[in-house]
């Protein structure tokens, strides 16, 4: 009987320890996303697009210093272009174009974590993004200064999903601070390496993004 009780105690203790190492919870935050198009030696970067992300996170701590983390997030990513061409002799004559490209993306970040202290950790990994939708919206304004009140404005929104590759792989580096009550804040930079443009010839379109988030992890001590 004593042996049976000892075995049962060991099993319960082991299960309790494993439960203490596993944490999970919700996560949301801010994204700053840009697109880069590279064609031979020419490189064009868009203006940043301000967006959000929301989802969940799970962490398993292997020991005091190392852990693994996986997440499932949704975020609209992409970039913006703002251009204005003016007549140097008449500043009231111009053509102004604003374009916004948005990729509705499900992200699956997977990372290895190193705990510098019990509360502070750094991480490295890769985010695997799956583009569910892709849209491009362009707004153009034309002003002809020689004719007072002459202004034209137009907009067009198109679905470009058929011209975009689905998978966006982005390696990242990040850091996290976790409070004793389960709340945490983190930040990471994701560097896009996948070519998102179909039939781009020698060109390459990539998407990189900064994320700053806050969340809560259940479980642990």
Protein backbone atom coordinates (compact mmCIF):
# COMPACT_ATOMS: atom_id res chain seq x y z
CA UNK A 1 0.00 0.00 0.00
CA UNK A 2 2.83 2.39 0.87
CA UNK A 3 4.46 1.77 -2.53
CA UNK A 4 1.14 2.44 -4.28
CA UNK A 5 0.71 5.70 -2.39
CA UNK A 6 4.26 6.76 -3.24
CA UNK A 7 3.67 6.05 -6.95
CA UNK A 8 0.38 7.99 -6.87
CA UNK A 9 2.07 10.90 -5.10
CA UNK A 10 4.86 10.93 -7.70
CA UNK A 11 2.33 10.99 -10.54
CA UNK A 12 0.34 13.83 -8.96
CA UNK A 13 3.50 15.79 -8.22
CA UNK A 14 4.76 15.33 -11.79
CA UNK A 15 1.44 16.44 -13.24
CA UNK A 16 1.46 19.48 -11.01
CA UNK A 17 4.98 20.41 -12.08
CA UNK A 18 4.08 20.04 -15.74
CA UNK A 19 1.02 22.23 -15.24
CA UNK A 20 3.23 24.89 -13.68
CA UNK A 21 5.45 24.94 -16.77
CA UNK A 22 2.61 25.42 -19.26
CA UNK A 23 0.91 28.81 -19.71
CA UNK A 24 -1.61 30.12 -22.21
CA UNK A 25 -3.84 33.11 -22.78
CA UNK A 26 -5.03 35.97 -25.03
CA UNK A 27 -2.82 38.55 -26.69
CA UNK A 28 -3.42 41.74 -28.70
CA UNK A 29 -1.49 44.79 -29.78
CA UNK A 30 -0.17 47.21 -32.38
CA UNK A 31 1.47 46.44 -35.74
CA UNK A 32 3.62 48.74 -37.89
CA UNK A 33 3.90 47.17 -41.34
CA UNK A 34 5.80 48.05 -44.54
CA UNK A 35 6.23 46.59 -48.01
CA UNK A 36 9.50 46.53 -49.94
CA UNK A 37 9.86 45.92 -53.67
CA UNK A 38 13.33 45.07 -54.94
CA UNK A 39 14.10 44.84 -58.66
CA UNK A 40 17.78 44.23 -59.41
CA UNK A 41 19.51 47.14 -57.63
CA UNK A 42 16.41 49.32 -57.25
CA UNK A 43 14.62 49.21 -53.89
CA UNK A 44 11.33 50.92 -53.09
CA UNK A 45 9.82 51.00 -49.62
CA UNK A 46 6.26 52.00 -48.78
CA UNK A 47 5.24 54.27 -45.97
CA UNK A 48 4.32 52.32 -42.80
CA UNK A 49 0.77 51.13 -42.23
CA UNK A 50 -0.57 51.29 -38.67
CA UNK A 51 -2.66 48.29 -37.72
CA UNK A 52 -3.45 45.79 -34.95
CA UNK A 53 -3.21 42.10 -34.12
CA UNK A 54 -5.27 39.83 -31.89
CA UNK A 55 -5.09 36.15 -30.93
CA UNK A 56 -3.72 33.70 -28.40
CA UNK A 57 -0.40 32.44 -27.06
CA UNK A 58 0.88 29.23 -25.40
CA UNK A 59 4.23 28.86 -23.61
CA UNK A 60 6.03 25.80 -22.28
CA UNK A 61 9.05 26.38 -20.07
CA UNK A 62 11.61 23.59 -20.46
CA UNK A 63 13.70 24.69 -17.48
CA UNK A 64 14.68 27.88 -15.64
CA UNK A 65 16.36 29.38 -18.72
CA UNK A 66 14.72 27.96 -21.85
CA UNK A 67 11.20 27.72 -23.19
CA UNK A 68 9.12 27.31 -26.35
CA UNK A 69 6.23 29.50 -27.45
CA UNK A 70 3.57 29.24 -30.14
CA UNK A 71 0.86 31.72 -31.13
CA UNK A 72 -2.08 32.15 -33.48
CA UNK A 73 -2.79 35.77 -34.44
CA UNK A 74 -4.79 37.72 -36.99
CA UNK A 75 -3.47 41.01 -38.37
CA UNK A 76 -4.09 43.24 -41.41
CA UNK A 77 -0.60 43.89 -42.81
CA UNK A 78 0.69 45.83 -45.82
CA UNK A 79 1.86 49.34 -46.64
CA UNK A 80 0.89 52.79 -47.92
CA UNK A 81 2.11 55.08 -50.71
CA UNK A 82 1.58 58.84 -50.70
CA UNK A 83 2.83 60.80 -53.71
CA UNK A 84 2.21 64.37 -54.83
CA UNK A 85 3.46 65.93 -58.08
CA UNK A 86 3.22 69.73 -58.26
CA UNK A 87 3.72 72.28 -61.02
CA UNK A 88 6.86 74.19 -59.96
CA UNK A 89 5.41 77.41 -61.42
CA UNK A 90 1.98 76.97 -59.84
CA UNK A 91 1.79 75.12 -56.53
CA UNK A 92 -2.00 74.96 -56.77
CA UNK A 93 -1.70 72.65 -59.77
CA UNK A 94 -0.93 69.11 -58.64
CA UNK A 95 -1.73 65.41 -58.81
CA UNK A 96 -1.92 63.61 -55.47
CA UNK A 97 -2.14 59.81 -55.17
CA UNK A 98 -2.72 57.74 -52.04
CA UNK A 99 -2.56 53.94 -52.18
CA UNK A 100 -3.09 51.41 -49.39
CA UNK A 101 -2.38 47.70 -49.84
CA UNK A 102 -3.80 45.42 -47.15
CA UNK A 103 -3.14 41.72 -46.58
CA UNK A 104 -5.55 40.07 -44.15
CA UNK A 105 -3.13 37.59 -42.55
CA UNK A 106 -3.31 34.73 -40.06
CA UNK A 107 0.08 34.52 -38.31
CA UNK A 108 1.55 31.46 -36.58
CA UNK A 109 4.71 32.61 -34.77
CA UNK A 110 6.92 29.87 -33.27
CA UNK A 111 9.88 30.82 -31.06
CA UNK A 112 12.54 29.66 -28.66
CA UNK A 113 12.87 31.77 -25.51
CA UNK A 114 15.80 32.46 -23.21
CA UNK A 115 14.91 33.70 -19.72
CA UNK A 116 17.50 36.23 -18.57
CA UNK A 117 15.56 36.45 -15.31
CA UNK A 118 12.31 34.95 -14.05
CA UNK A 119 10.36 37.85 -15.56
CA UNK A 120 12.40 38.98 -18.56
CA UNK A 121 13.11 36.89 -21.68
CA UNK A 122 14.37 37.27 -25.23
CA UNK A 123 13.19 35.18 -28.16
CA UNK A 124 14.05 34.17 -31.71
CA UNK A 125 11.88 32.37 -34.21
CA UNK A 126 9.81 32.69 -37.34
CA UNK A 127 6.30 33.83 -38.11
CA UNK A 128 4.41 31.83 -40.72
CA UNK A 129 1.77 34.08 -42.25
CA UNK A 130 -1.13 32.87 -44.38
CA UNK A 131 -2.70 35.65 -46.47
CA UNK A 132 -6.48 35.21 -46.56
CA UNK A 133 -7.33 38.41 -48.45
CA UNK A 134 -5.44 41.07 -50.40
CA UNK A 135 -6.87 44.44 -51.44
CA UNK A 136 -5.48 47.61 -52.97
CA UNK A 137 -7.26 50.96 -52.63
CA UNK A 138 -6.16 54.05 -54.57
CA UNK A 139 -7.43 57.61 -54.13
CA UNK A 140 -6.35 60.32 -56.63
CA UNK A 141 -6.88 64.08 -56.42
CA UNK A 142 -6.20 66.50 -59.31
CA UNK A 143 -6.17 70.29 -59.00
CA UNK A 144 -5.72 72.74 -61.89
CA UNK A 145 -4.80 76.11 -60.44
CA UNK A 146 -5.45 78.17 -63.58
CA UNK A 147 -9.12 77.31 -63.28
CA UNK A 148 -10.37 78.36 -59.82
CA UNK A 149 -12.35 75.64 -58.13
CA UNK A 150 -11.29 72.97 -60.64
CA UNK A 151 -10.65 69.83 -58.65
CA UNK A 152 -11.19 66.17 -59.46
CA UNK A 153 -11.16 63.25 -57.05
CA UNK A 154 -11.61 59.55 -57.62
CA UNK A 155 -11.05 56.26 -55.84
CA UNK A 156 -10.79 52.61 -56.79
CA UNK A 157 -10.55 49.45 -54.67
CA UNK A 158 -9.60 46.11 -56.19
CA UNK A 159 -9.11 42.54 -55.04
CA UNK A 160 -5.49 41.50 -55.78
CA UNK A 161 -5.55 38.10 -54.05
CA UNK A 162 -4.90 36.28 -57.35
CA UNK A 163 -1.67 38.26 -57.77
CA UNK A 164 -0.30 37.54 -54.28
CA UNK A 165 1.41 34.42 -52.94
CA UNK A 166 -0.27 33.01 -49.84
CA UNK A 167 2.71 32.23 -47.58
CA UNK A 168 4.66 35.00 -45.85
CA UNK A 169 7.61 33.73 -43.76
CA UNK A 170 9.23 36.28 -41.47
CA UNK A 171 12.06 35.43 -39.01
CA UNK A 172 11.96 37.58 -35.87
CA UNK A 173 13.74 38.68 -32.72
CA UNK A 174 11.84 39.82 -29.67
CA UNK A 175 11.72 40.46 -25.94
CA UNK A 176 9.09 40.02 -23.22
CA UNK A 177 8.52 41.16 -19.66
CA UNK A 178 6.05 39.13 -17.57
CA UNK A 179 4.53 40.40 -14.32
CA UNK A 180 3.83 38.18 -11.33
CA UNK A 181 0.06 38.35 -11.86
CA UNK A 182 0.23 36.82 -15.39
CA UNK A 183 0.15 40.07 -17.37
CA UNK A 184 2.92 40.48 -19.95
CA UNK A 185 4.15 42.97 -22.55
CA UNK A 186 6.32 42.10 -25.53
CA UNK A 187 7.82 43.48 -28.74
CA UNK A 188 9.33 41.88 -31.81
CA UNK A 189 10.49 42.75 -35.30
CA UNK A 190 9.53 40.38 -38.12
CA UNK A 191 11.71 40.53 -41.24
CA UNK A 192 9.82 39.30 -44.31
CA UNK A 193 11.77 37.00 -46.63
CA UNK A 194 9.02 35.49 -48.82
CA UNK A 195 8.28 36.91 -52.27
CA UNK A 196 4.61 37.86 -52.12
CA UNK A 197 4.24 38.97 -55.74
CA UNK A 198 3.25 36.39 -58.36
CA UNK A 199 4.72 36.79 -61.86
CA UNK A 200 7.11 39.48 -60.62
CA UNK A 201 9.97 38.47 -62.92
CA UNK A 202 13.25 39.41 -61.27
CA UNK A 203 11.46 41.57 -58.72
CA UNK A 204 10.64 40.63 -55.13
CA UNK A 205 7.91 42.00 -52.85
CA UNK A 206 8.37 41.42 -49.10
CA UNK A 207 6.42 42.40 -45.99
CA UNK A 208 8.16 43.24 -42.69
CA UNK A 209 6.44 44.39 -39.51
CA UNK A 210 6.98 45.50 -35.93
CA UNK A 211 4.62 44.21 -33.23
CA UNK A 212 4.11 45.55 -29.70
CA UNK A 213 1.65 43.54 -27.64
CA UNK A 214 0.07 42.96 -24.26
CA UNK A 215 -1.59 39.83 -22.95
CA UNK A 216 -2.31 37.55 -20.02
CA UNK A 217 -1.05 34.02 -19.40
CA UNK A 218 -2.98 31.56 -17.24
CA UNK A 219 -1.23 28.70 -15.47
CA UNK A 220 2.19 28.50 -13.89
CA UNK A 221 3.02 29.21 -10.31
